[in-house]
C-alpha atoms as a PDB file:
ATOM      1  CA  MET A   1      -3.396 -21.265 -23.516  1.00  0.00           C
ATOM      2  CA  VAL A   2      -3.565 -17.630 -22.435  1.00  0.00           C
ATOM      3  CA  GLY A   3      -7.347 -17.599 -22.218  1.00  0.00           C
ATOM      4  CA  CYS A   4      -7.422 -20.831 -20.214  1.00  0.00           C
ATOM      5  CA  ALA A   5      -4.995 -19.490 -17.612  1.00  0.00           C
ATOM      6  CA  ASN A   6      -6.964 -16.251 -17.379  1.00  0.00           C
ATOM      7  CA  ILE A   7     -10.216 -18.116 -16.825  1.00  0.00           C
ATOM      8  CA  LYS A   8      -8.703 -20.346 -14.150  1.00  0.00           C
ATOM      9  CA  THR A   9      -7.248 -17.340 -12.349  1.00  0.00           C
ATOM     10  CA  ALA A  10     -10.538 -15.470 -12.584  1.00  0.00           C
ATOM     11  CA  GLN A  11     -12.338 -18.457 -11.098  1.00  0.00           C
ATOM     12  CA  LYS A  12      -9.851 -18.688  -8.236  1.00  0.00           C
ATOM     13  CA  LEU A  13     -10.103 -14.956  -7.607  1.00  0.00           C
ATOM     14  CA  THR A  14     -13.886 -15.337  -7.423  1.00  0.00           C
ATOM     15  CA  ILE A  15     -13.743 -18.304  -5.063  1.00  0.00           C
ATOM     16  CA  LEU A  16     -11.167 -16.829  -2.685  1.00  0.00           C
ATOM     17  CA  PRO A  17     -13.336 -13.887  -1.509  1.00  0.00           C
ATOM     18  CA  GLU A  18     -16.335 -16.182  -1.146  1.00  0.00           C
ATOM     19  CA  ASN A  19     -14.328 -18.526   1.064  1.00  0.00           C
ATOM     20  CA  PHE A  20     -12.977 -15.581   3.035  1.00  0.00           C
ATOM     21  CA  ARG A  21     -16.470 -14.185   3.634  1.00  0.00           C
ATOM     22  CA  HIS A  22     -17.579 -17.583   4.887  1.00  0.00           C
ATOM     23  CA  ASP A  23     -14.573 -17.912   7.206  1.00  0.00           C
ATOM     24  CA  TRP A  24     -15.041 -14.342   8.409  1.00  0.00           C
ATOM     25  CA  GLU A  25     -18.689 -14.890   9.299  1.00  0.00           C
ATOM     26  CA  LEU A  26     -17.761 -18.056  11.202  1.00  0.00           C
ATOM     27  CA  PHE A  27     -15.119 -16.038  13.028  1.00  0.00           C
ATOM     28  CA  ARG A  28     -17.650 -13.337  13.892  1.00  0.00           C
ATOM     29  CA  LEU A  29     -20.064 -15.935  15.270  1.00  0.00           C
ATOM     30  CA  GLU A  30     -17.328 -17.184  17.584  1.00  0.00           C
ATOM     31  CA  LEU A  31     -16.812 -13.741  19.085  1.00  0.00           C
ATOM     32  CA  SER A  32     -18.082 -13.308  22.574  1.00  0.00           C
ATOM     33  CA  PRO A  33     -17.636 -10.379  24.943  1.00  0.00           C
ATOM     34  CA  ASN A  34     -16.222 -12.662  27.645  1.00  0.00           C
ATOM     35  CA  GLU A  35     -13.300 -13.978  25.602  1.00  0.00           C
ATOM     36  CA  ASN A  36      -9.800 -12.600  25.329  1.00  0.00           C
ATOM     37  CA  GLY A  37      -9.968  -9.933  22.642  1.00  0.00           C
ATOM     38  CA  VAL A  38      -6.294 -10.215  21.744  1.00  0.00           C
ATOM     39  CA  GLU A  39      -6.520 -13.893  20.813  1.00  0.00           C
ATOM     40  CA  LYS A  40      -9.642 -13.303  18.724  1.00  0.00           C
ATOM     41  CA  ALA A  41      -8.076 -10.304  17.024  1.00  0.00           C
ATOM     42  CA  GLN A  42      -5.020 -12.400  16.168  1.00  0.00           C
ATOM     43  CA  LYS A  43      -7.253 -15.076  14.669  1.00  0.00           C
ATOM     44  CA  GLY A  44      -9.123 -12.483  12.602  1.00  0.00           C
ATOM     45  CA  ILE A  45      -5.889 -10.929  11.380  1.00  0.00           C
ATOM     46  CA  GLY A  46      -4.659 -14.417  10.499  1.00  0.00           C
ATOM     47  CA  LEU A  47      -7.763 -15.002   8.363  1.00  0.00           C
ATOM     48  CA  CYS A  48      -7.165 -11.719   6.564  1.00  0.00           C
ATOM     49  CA  ARG A  49      -3.501 -12.540   6.046  1.00  0.00           C
ATOM     50  CA  GLU A  50      -4.279 -15.984   4.592  1.00  0.00           C
ATOM     51  CA  PHE A  51      -6.800 -14.447   2.216  1.00  0.00           C
ATOM     52  CA  LEU A  52      -4.412 -11.744   1.022  1.00  0.00           C
ATOM     53  CA  LEU A  53      -1.590 -14.251   0.551  1.00  0.00           C
ATOM     54  CA  ALA A  54      -3.847 -16.497  -1.517  1.00  0.00           C
ATOM     55  CA  VAL A  55      -5.018 -13.612  -3.726  1.00  0.00           C
ATOM     56  CA  ASN A  56      -1.484 -12.280  -4.184  1.00  0.00           C
ATOM     57  CA  SER A  57      -0.235 -15.771  -5.008  1.00  0.00           C
ATOM     58  CA  GLU A  58      -2.828 -16.157  -7.763  1.00  0.00           C
ATOM     59  CA  ILE A  59      -2.020 -12.729  -9.188  1.00  0.00           C
ATOM     60  CA  GLN A  60       1.718 -13.471  -9.109  1.00  0.00           C
ATOM     61  CA  ALA A  61       1.222 -16.822 -10.846  1.00  0.00           C
ATOM     62  CA  GLU A  62      -0.891 -15.199 -13.573  1.00  0.00           C
ATOM     63  CA  THR A  63       1.658 -12.404 -13.989  1.00  0.00           C
ATOM     64  CA  ASN A  64       4.482 -14.943 -14.322  1.00  0.00           C
ATOM     65  CA  ILE A  65       2.577 -16.814 -17.035  1.00  0.00           C
ATOM     66  CA  TRP A  66       1.872 -13.567 -18.865  1.00  0.00           C
ATOM     67  CA  ALA A  67       5.521 -12.463 -18.633  1.00  0.00           C
ATOM     68  CA  GLN A  68       6.761 -15.798 -20.027  1.00  0.00           C
ATOM     69  CA  GLU A  69       4.292 -15.638 -22.900  1.00  0.00           C
ATOM     70  CA  PHE A  70       5.213 -12.020 -23.614  1.00  0.00           C
ATOM     71  CA  GLN A  71       8.950 -12.794 -23.626  1.00  0.00           C
ATOM     72  CA  GLN A  72       8.351 -15.754 -25.941  1.00  0.00           C
ATOM     73  CA  ALA A  73       6.326 -13.540 -28.276  1.00  0.00           C
ATOM     74  CA  LEU A  74       9.215 -11.059 -28.427  1.00  0.00           C
ATOM     75  CA  ILE A  75      11.646 -13.890 -29.216  1.00  0.00           C
ATOM     76  CA  ASP A  76       9.295 -15.194 -31.914  1.00  0.00           C
ATOM     77  CA  ILE A  77       9.013 -11.733 -33.489  1.00  0.00           C
ATOM     78  CA  GLU A  78      12.776 -11.248 -33.430  1.00  0.00           C
ATOM     79  CA  THR A  79      13.351 -14.697 -34.922  1.00  0.00           C
ATOM     80  CA  SER A  80      10.774 -14.198 -37.655  1.00  0.00           C
ATOM     81  CA  THR A  81      12.233 -10.825 -38.694  1.00  0.00           C
ATOM     82  CA  LYS A  82      15.880 -11.930 -38.823  1.00  0.00           C
ATOM     83  CA  GLY A  83      17.196 -12.061 -42.330  1.00  0.00           C
ATOM     84  CA  THR A  84      14.499  -9.894 -43.786  1.00  0.00           C
ATOM     85  CA  ASP A  85      15.535  -6.745 -45.555  1.00  0.00           C
ATOM     86  CA  PRO A  86      13.505  -3.800 -44.182  1.00  0.00           C
ATOM     87  CA  SER A  87      14.137  -1.805 -47.402  1.00  0.00           C
ATOM     88  CA  GLU A  88      12.137  -4.264 -49.511  1.00  0.00           C
END
């Protein structure tokens, strides 16, 4: 299960920058010297924000999965060692 989640996250983290680059190039093509720079800048910042939120969301989801698996592993170790005599 761990490997599958890692692969899915890696795929998403590969796709997200590709999508961002595409969106960014479309944004750049829309730029014209006659347009309001503030509105265009806000749109560009919005694209960056969406990208960063998506990347951070994927990283957080992967970290949460890892933390749950790690905590379960600790519980499993503790359970499996209960009742054993360390002096044996």
